[in-house]
PDB file of N, CA and C in Angstrom:
ATOM      1  N   MET A   1     -20.558  12.087 -35.315  1.00  0.00           N
ATOM      2  CA  MET A   1     -19.831  11.967 -34.386  1.00  0.00           C
ATOM      3  C   MET A   1     -18.635  10.686 -34.422  1.00  0.00           C
ATOM      4  N   ALA A   2     -17.331  11.074 -34.234  1.00  0.00           N
ATOM      5  CA  ALA A   2     -16.534  10.092 -34.626  1.00  0.00           C
ATOM      6  C   ALA A   2     -16.542   9.421 -33.193  1.00  0.00           C
ATOM      7  N   LEU A   3     -16.269   7.841 -33.503  1.00  0.00           N
ATOM      8  CA  LEU A   3     -15.941   6.825 -32.709  1.00  0.00           C
ATOM      9  C   LEU A   3     -14.565   6.941 -31.803  1.00  0.00           C
ATOM     10  N   PHE A   4     -13.672   7.459 -32.412  1.00  0.00           N
ATOM     11  CA  PHE A   4     -12.251   7.658 -31.971  1.00  0.00           C
ATOM     12  C   PHE A   4     -12.208   8.898 -32.100  1.00  0.00           C
ATOM     13  N   LYS A   5     -11.720   9.668 -30.827  1.00  0.00           N
ATOM     14  CA  LYS A   5     -10.790  11.136 -31.068  1.00  0.00           C
ATOM     15  C   LYS A   5      -9.220  10.434 -31.404  1.00  0.00           C
ATOM     16  N   LYS A   6      -8.928  11.743 -32.469  1.00  0.00           N
ATOM     17  CA  LYS A   6      -8.017  11.521 -32.787  1.00  0.00           C
ATOM     18  C   LYS A   6      -6.882  12.698 -31.775  1.00  0.00           C
ATOM     19  N   ARG A   7      -5.831  12.037 -31.187  1.00  0.00           N
ATOM     20  CA  ARG A   7      -5.122  12.830 -30.265  1.00  0.00           C
ATOM     21  C   ARG A   7      -4.044  14.137 -30.753  1.00  0.00           C
ATOM     22  N   THR A   8      -4.607  15.223 -30.908  1.00  0.00           N
ATOM     23  CA  THR A   8      -3.559  16.110 -31.124  1.00  0.00           C
ATOM     24  C   THR A   8      -2.421  16.657 -30.623  1.00  0.00           C
ATOM     25  N   VAL A   9      -2.390  16.648 -29.208  1.00  0.00           N
ATOM     26  CA  VAL A   9      -1.246  16.989 -28.330  1.00  0.00           C
ATOM     27  C   VAL A   9      -1.260  15.579 -27.744  1.00  0.00           C
ATOM     28  N   GLY A  10       0.045  15.567 -26.728  1.00  0.00           N
ATOM     29  CA  GLY A  10       0.399  14.657 -25.979  1.00  0.00           C
ATOM     30  C   GLY A  10       0.053  15.130 -24.438  1.00  0.00           C
ATOM     31  N   LYS A  11       0.025  14.039 -23.697  1.00  0.00           N
ATOM     32  CA  LYS A  11      -0.028  14.104 -22.096  1.00  0.00           C
ATOM     33  C   LYS A  11       1.574  14.396 -21.681  1.00  0.00           C
ATOM     34  N   PRO A  12       1.276  15.512 -20.824  1.00  0.00           N
ATOM     35  CA  PRO A  12       2.607  15.726 -20.221  1.00  0.00           C
ATOM     36  C   PRO A  12       3.274  14.252 -19.162  1.00  0.00           C
ATOM     37  N   GLY A  13       4.545  14.280 -19.431  1.00  0.00           N
ATOM     38  CA  GLY A  13       4.904  12.898 -18.873  1.00  0.00           C
ATOM     39  C   GLY A  13       5.061  11.518 -19.901  1.00  0.00           C
ATOM     40  N   GLU A  14       4.603  11.900 -20.822  1.00  0.00           N
ATOM     41  CA  GLU A  14       4.615  10.887 -22.018  1.00  0.00           C
ATOM     42  C   GLU A  14       6.031  10.942 -22.731  1.00  0.00           C
ATOM     43  N   TRP A  15       6.742  10.628 -23.001  1.00  0.00           N
ATOM     44  CA  TRP A  15       7.911  10.396 -23.726  1.00  0.00           C
ATOM     45  C   TRP A  15       8.122   9.512 -25.065  1.00  0.00           C
ATOM     46  N   TYR A  16       8.627  10.335 -26.405  1.00  0.00           N
ATOM     47  CA  TYR A  16       8.593   9.464 -27.418  1.00  0.00           C
ATOM     48  C   TYR A  16       9.875   9.921 -27.704  1.00  0.00           C
ATOM     49  N   TYR A  17      10.269   9.017 -29.096  1.00  0.00           N
ATOM     50  CA  TYR A  17      11.074   8.953 -29.829  1.00  0.00           C
ATOM     51  C   TYR A  17      10.870   9.156 -31.328  1.00  0.00           C
ATOM     52  N   CYS A  18      11.328  10.334 -31.699  1.00  0.00           N
ATOM     53  CA  CYS A  18      10.707  10.828 -33.565  1.00  0.00           C
ATOM     54  C   CYS A  18      11.454   9.876 -34.116  1.00  0.00           C
ATOM     55  N   LEU A  19      11.349   8.982 -35.002  1.00  0.00           N
ATOM     56  CA  LEU A  19      12.113   8.294 -36.145  1.00  0.00           C
ATOM     57  C   LEU A  19      12.711   8.915 -37.437  1.00  0.00           C
ATOM     58  N   GLU A  20      11.459  10.087 -37.484  1.00  0.00           N
ATOM     59  CA  GLU A  20      11.595  11.076 -38.841  1.00  0.00           C
ATOM     60  C   GLU A  20      12.663  12.377 -38.610  1.00  0.00           C
ATOM     61  N   HIS A  21      12.462  12.847 -37.349  1.00  0.00           N
ATOM     62  CA  HIS A  21      13.384  14.014 -36.923  1.00  0.00           C
ATOM     63  C   HIS A  21      14.789  13.266 -36.026  1.00  0.00           C
ATOM     64  N   LYS A  22      14.568  12.136 -35.326  1.00  0.00           N
ATOM     65  CA  LYS A  22      15.494  11.924 -34.556  1.00  0.00           C
ATOM     66  C   LYS A  22      15.966  12.453 -33.397  1.00  0.00           C
ATOM     67  N   LYS A  23      14.643  12.843 -32.916  1.00  0.00           N
ATOM     68  CA  LYS A  23      14.347  13.325 -31.222  1.00  0.00           C
ATOM     69  C   LYS A  23      13.557  13.153 -30.584  1.00  0.00           C
ATOM     70  N   VAL A  24      13.622  13.457 -29.196  1.00  0.00           N
ATOM     71  CA  VAL A  24      12.769  13.260 -28.094  1.00  0.00           C
ATOM     72  C   VAL A  24      11.702  14.013 -28.167  1.00  0.00           C
ATOM     73  N   GLU A  25      10.241  13.688 -27.698  1.00  0.00           N
ATOM     74  CA  GLU A  25       9.619  14.709 -27.844  1.00  0.00           C
ATOM     75  C   GLU A  25       8.943  14.319 -26.478  1.00  0.00           C
ATOM     76  N   GLU A  26       7.879  15.201 -25.699  1.00  0.00           N
ATOM     77  CA  GLU A  26       7.039  15.075 -24.645  1.00  0.00           C
ATOM     78  C   GLU A  26       5.732  15.285 -25.258  1.00  0.00           C
ATOM     79  N   GLY A  27       5.009  13.987 -25.026  1.00  0.00           N
ATOM     80  CA  GLY A  27       3.667  14.024 -25.946  1.00  0.00           C
ATOM     81  C   GLY A  27       3.768  13.630 -27.446  1.00  0.00           C
ATOM     82  N   PRO A  28       3.083  12.832 -27.943  1.00  0.00           N
ATOM     83  CA  PRO A  28       3.303  13.119 -29.394  1.00  0.00           C
ATOM     84  C   PRO A  28       3.116  13.752 -30.079  1.00  0.00           C
ATOM     85  N   GLU A  29       4.090  14.403 -31.098  1.00  0.00           N
ATOM     86  CA  GLU A  29       4.084  15.442 -32.027  1.00  0.00           C
ATOM     87  C   GLU A  29       3.864  14.838 -33.469  1.00  0.00           C
ATOM     88  N   CYS A  30       4.619  13.829 -33.700  1.00  0.00           N
ATOM     89  CA  CYS A  30       4.590  13.331 -34.751  1.00  0.00           C
ATOM     90  C   CYS A  30       3.692  11.968 -34.948  1.00  0.00           C
ATOM     91  N   PRO A  31       3.296  11.694 -36.287  1.00  0.00           N
ATOM     92  CA  PRO A  31       2.201  10.338 -36.451  1.00  0.00           C
ATOM     93  C   PRO A  31       2.917   9.198 -35.800  1.00  0.00           C
ATOM     94  N   ALA A  32       1.861   8.488 -35.287  1.00  0.00           N
ATOM     95  CA  ALA A  32       2.502   7.255 -34.604  1.00  0.00           C
ATOM     96  C   ALA A  32       3.541   6.279 -35.834  1.00  0.00           C
ATOM     97  N   LYS A  33       3.378   6.258 -36.303  1.00  0.00           N
ATOM     98  CA  LYS A  33       4.177   5.310 -37.680  1.00  0.00           C
ATOM     99  C   LYS A  33       5.884   5.911 -37.743  1.00  0.00           C
ATOM    100  N   ASP A  34       5.980   6.974 -37.120  1.00  0.00           N
ATOM    101  CA  ASP A  34       7.439   7.746 -37.078  1.00  0.00           C
ATOM    102  C   ASP A  34       7.876   7.711 -35.791  1.00  0.00           C
ATOM    103  N   ARG A  35       7.282   6.954 -34.595  1.00  0.00           N
ATOM    104  CA  ARG A  35       7.771   7.344 -33.471  1.00  0.00           C
ATOM    105  C   ARG A  35       7.779   5.903 -32.742  1.00  0.00           C
ATOM    106  N   PHE A  36       8.859   5.925 -31.568  1.00  0.00           N
ATOM    107  CA  PHE A  36       8.564   4.910 -30.831  1.00  0.00           C
ATOM    108  C   PHE A  36       8.059   5.389 -29.357  1.00  0.00           C
ATOM    109  N   GLY A  37       7.332   4.588 -28.548  1.00  0.00           N
ATOM    110  CA  GLY A  37       6.853   5.094 -27.406  1.00  0.00           C
ATOM    111  C   GLY A  37       5.573   4.760 -27.202  1.00  0.00           C
ATOM    112  N   PRO A  38       5.057   5.369 -25.667  1.00  0.00           N
ATOM    113  CA  PRO A  38       5.614   6.031 -25.072  1.00  0.00           C
ATOM    114  C   PRO A  38       6.447   5.481 -24.097  1.00  0.00           C
ATOM    115  N   TYR A  39       7.415   6.170 -23.390  1.00  0.00           N
ATOM    116  CA  TYR A  39       8.482   5.729 -22.503  1.00  0.00           C
ATOM    117  C   TYR A  39       8.046   6.915 -21.248  1.00  0.00           C
ATOM    118  N   ALA A  40       8.159   5.887 -20.157  1.00  0.00           N
ATOM    119  CA  ALA A  40       8.111   6.614 -18.839  1.00  0.00           C
ATOM    120  C   ALA A  40       9.219   7.899 -18.480  1.00  0.00           C
ATOM    121  N   GLY A  41       9.942   8.129 -19.265  1.00  0.00           N
ATOM    122  CA  GLY A  41      10.726   9.041 -18.902  1.00  0.00           C
ATOM    123  C   GLY A  41      11.603   9.592 -20.087  1.00  0.00           C
ATOM    124  N   ARG A  42      12.234  10.914 -20.311  1.00  0.00           N
ATOM    125  CA  ARG A  42      13.108  11.507 -21.061  1.00  0.00           C
ATOM    126  C   ARG A  42      14.143  10.482 -21.520  1.00  0.00           C
ATOM    127  N   VAL A  43      15.160  10.036 -20.692  1.00  0.00           N
ATOM    128  CA  VAL A  43      16.429   9.123 -20.275  1.00  0.00           C
ATOM    129  C   VAL A  43      16.101   8.051 -21.523  1.00  0.00           C
ATOM    130  N   GLU A  44      14.956   7.558 -20.854  1.00  0.00           N
ATOM    131  CA  GLU A  44      14.686   6.068 -21.671  1.00  0.00           C
ATOM    132  C   GLU A  44      14.246   6.407 -23.295  1.00  0.00           C
ATOM    133  N   ALA A  45      13.431   7.144 -23.651  1.00  0.00           N
ATOM    134  CA  ALA A  45      13.200   7.924 -24.836  1.00  0.00           C
ATOM    135  C   ALA A  45      14.685   8.036 -25.640  1.00  0.00           C
ATOM    136  N   GLU A  46      15.466   8.717 -24.670  1.00  0.00           N
ATOM    137  CA  GLU A  46      16.659   9.287 -25.462  1.00  0.00           C
ATOM    138  C   GLU A  46      17.526   7.658 -26.166  1.00  0.00           C
ATOM    139  N   HIS A  47      17.101   6.713 -25.054  1.00  0.00           N
ATOM    140  CA  HIS A  47      18.017   5.390 -25.723  1.00  0.00           C
ATOM    141  C   HIS A  47      17.223   4.650 -26.235  1.00  0.00           C
ATOM    142  N   ALA A  48      15.865   5.083 -27.111  1.00  0.00           N
ATOM    143  CA  ALA A  48      15.134   4.158 -27.760  1.00  0.00           C
ATOM    144  C   ALA A  48      15.638   3.586 -28.896  1.00  0.00           C
ATOM    145  N   MET A  49      16.508   4.265 -29.468  1.00  0.00           N
ATOM    146  CA  MET A  49      17.260   3.188 -30.909  1.00  0.00           C
ATOM    147  C   MET A  49      18.310   2.052 -29.901  1.00  0.00           C
ATOM    148  N   GLU A  50      18.997   2.135 -29.040  1.00  0.00           N
ATOM    149  CA  GLU A  50      19.810   1.468 -28.545  1.00  0.00           C
ATOM    150  C   GLU A  50      18.804   0.511 -28.042  1.00  0.00           C
ATOM    151  N   THR A  51      17.729   0.637 -27.408  1.00  0.00           N
ATOM    152  CA  THR A  51      16.919  -0.394 -26.625  1.00  0.00           C
ATOM    153  C   THR A  51      16.164  -1.135 -28.170  1.00  0.00           C
ATOM    154  N   ALA A  52      16.011  -0.662 -29.426  1.00  0.00           N
ATOM    155  CA  ALA A  52      15.271  -1.220 -30.270  1.00  0.00           C
ATOM    156  C   ALA A  52      16.702  -2.264 -30.755  1.00  0.00           C
ATOM    157  N   ARG A  53      17.648  -1.872 -30.902  1.00  0.00           N
ATOM    158  CA  ARG A  53      18.951  -2.440 -31.513  1.00  0.00           C
ATOM    159  C   ARG A  53      19.110  -3.973 -30.379  1.00  0.00           C
ATOM    160  N   GLU A  54      18.983  -3.493 -29.238  1.00  0.00           N
ATOM    161  CA  GLU A  54      19.329  -4.902 -28.300  1.00  0.00           C
ATOM    162  C   GLU A  54      18.154  -5.917 -28.359  1.00  0.00           C
ATOM    163  N   ARG A  55      16.857  -5.227 -28.688  1.00  0.00           N
ATOM    164  CA  ARG A  55      15.849  -6.077 -28.603  1.00  0.00           C
ATOM    165  C   ARG A  55      16.119  -7.231 -29.920  1.00  0.00           C
ATOM    166  N   ASN A  56      16.303  -6.547 -30.873  1.00  0.00           N
ATOM    167  CA  ASN A  56      16.480  -7.093 -32.727  1.00  0.00           C
ATOM    168  C   ASN A  56      17.545  -8.068 -32.249  1.00  0.00           C
ATOM    169  N   LEU A  57      18.868  -7.740 -31.868  1.00  0.00           N
ATOM    170  CA  LEU A  57      19.586  -8.972 -31.146  1.00  0.00           C
ATOM    171  C   LEU A  57      19.277  -9.909 -30.669  1.00  0.00           C
ATOM    172  N   GLN A  58      18.496  -9.813 -29.577  1.00  0.00           N
ATOM    173  CA  GLN A  58      18.073 -11.112 -28.843  1.00  0.00           C
ATOM    174  C   GLN A  58      17.010 -11.671 -29.718  1.00  0.00           C
ATOM    175  N   TRP A  59      16.295 -10.929 -30.397  1.00  0.00           N
ATOM    176  CA  TRP A  59      15.316 -11.781 -31.381  1.00  0.00           C
ATOM    177  C   TRP A  59      15.969 -12.676 -32.348  1.00  0.00           C
ATOM    178  N   GLU A  60      16.986 -12.084 -33.085  1.00  0.00           N
ATOM    179  CA  GLU A  60      17.910 -12.640 -33.933  1.00  0.00           C
ATOM    180  C   GLU A  60      18.597 -13.658 -33.099  1.00  0.00           C
ATOM    181  N   THR A  61      19.195 -13.804 -32.173  1.00  0.00           N
ATOM    182  CA  THR A  61      19.952 -15.009 -31.557  1.00  0.00           C
ATOM    183  C   THR A  61      18.856 -15.822 -30.511  1.00  0.00           C
ATOM    184  N   ASP A  62      17.768 -15.873 -30.646  1.00  0.00           N
ATOM    185  CA  ASP A  62      17.000 -16.439 -29.990  1.00  0.00           C
ATOM    186  C   ASP A  62      16.812 -17.948 -30.279  1.00  0.00           C
ATOM    187  N   PRO A  63      17.311 -19.018 -29.700  1.00  0.00           N
ATOM    188  CA  PRO A  63      16.898 -20.267 -30.394  1.00  0.00           C
ATOM    189  C   PRO A  63      15.501 -20.694 -30.814  1.00  0.00           C
ATOM    190  N   ARG A  64      14.620 -19.982 -29.851  1.00  0.00           N
ATOM    191  CA  ARG A  64      13.118 -20.778 -30.148  1.00  0.00           C
ATOM    192  C   ARG A  64      12.888 -20.035 -31.484  1.00  0.00           C
ATOM    193  N   TRP A  65      13.072 -18.756 -31.954  1.00  0.00           N
ATOM    194  CA  TRP A  65      12.822 -18.495 -33.287  1.00  0.00           C
ATOM    195  C   TRP A  65      13.732 -19.196 -34.394  1.00  0.00           C
ATOM    196  N   HIS A  66      14.777 -19.614 -33.593  1.00  0.00           N
ATOM    197  CA  HIS A  66      15.722 -20.435 -35.083  1.00  0.00           C
ATOM    198  C   HIS A  66      16.200 -21.809 -35.152  1.00  0.00           C
ATOM    199  N   ASP A  67      15.301 -22.298 -34.409  1.00  0.00           N
ATOM    200  CA  ASP A  67      15.704 -23.886 -34.286  1.00  0.00           C
ATOM    201  C   ASP A  67      15.521 -24.294 -35.622  1.00  0.00           C
ATOM    202  N   ALA A  68      16.407 -25.389 -35.844  1.00  0.00           N
ATOM    203  CA  ALA A  68      16.647 -26.341 -37.363  1.00  0.00           C
ATOM    204  C   ALA A  68      15.191 -26.762 -37.437  1.00  0.00           C
ATOM    205  N   ALA A  69      14.365 -27.414 -36.579  1.00  0.00           N
ATOM    206  CA  ALA A  69      13.144 -27.822 -36.876  1.00  0.00           C
ATOM    207  C   ALA A  69      12.300 -26.869 -36.998  1.00  0.00           C
ATOM    208  N   GLY A  70      12.350 -25.936 -36.681  1.00  0.00           N
ATOM    209  CA  GLY A  70      11.130 -24.633 -37.065  1.00  0.00           C
ATOM    210  C   GLY A  70      11.614 -24.233 -38.363  1.00  0.00           C
ATOM    211  N   ARG A  71      12.683 -24.207 -38.853  1.00  0.00           N
ATOM    212  CA  ARG A  71      13.515 -23.444 -40.014  1.00  0.00           C
ATOM    213  C   ARG A  71      13.040 -24.804 -41.182  1.00  0.00           C
ATOM    214  N   GLU A  72      13.137 -25.795 -40.906  1.00  0.00           N
ATOM    215  CA  GLU A  72      12.919 -26.954 -41.915  1.00  0.00           C
ATOM    216  C   GLU A  72      11.095 -26.849 -42.094  1.00  0.00           C
ATOM    217  N   GLU A  73      10.400 -26.826 -41.496  1.00  0.00           N
ATOM    218  CA  GLU A  73       8.917 -26.584 -41.266  1.00  0.00           C
ATOM    219  C   GLU A  73       8.816 -25.541 -42.057  1.00  0.00           C
ATOM    220  N   ARG A  74       9.210 -24.434 -42.029  1.00  0.00           N
ATOM    221  CA  ARG A  74       8.792 -23.303 -42.656  1.00  0.00           C
ATOM    222  C   ARG A  74       9.034 -23.485 -44.210  1.00  0.00           C
ATOM    223  N   GLU A  75      10.305 -24.030 -44.121  1.00  0.00           N
ATOM    224  CA  GLU A  75      10.799 -23.892 -45.582  1.00  0.00           C
ATOM    225  C   GLU A  75       9.919 -24.949 -46.490  1.00  0.00           C
ATOM    226  N   GLU A  76       9.486 -26.209 -45.874  1.00  0.00           N
ATOM    227  CA  GLU A  76       8.261 -26.901 -46.516  1.00  0.00           C
ATOM    228  C   GLU A  76       7.024 -26.234 -46.992  1.00  0.00           C
ATOM    229  N   ASP A  77       6.671 -25.167 -46.249  1.00  0.00           N
ATOM    230  CA  ASP A  77       5.134 -24.546 -46.217  1.00  0.00           C
ATOM    231  C   ASP A  77       5.405 -23.703 -47.644  1.00  0.00           C
TER     232      ASP A  77
END
């Protein structure tokens, strides 16, 4: 008996964006490695790539991650 059941079908109301097929799906149809989500609604899942770009930009420009002192410490390691 398995400890964890592999979910083969999604729950209604859970929305995902499949990176492989570049489409929105209700409930996970594709493997977890190929999708973003779950999202609360279809529209939110449709904007998954835009949301990811915005979050990446925020991270790339966040001074807490890219300060000079922290960079020098990382270069010494």
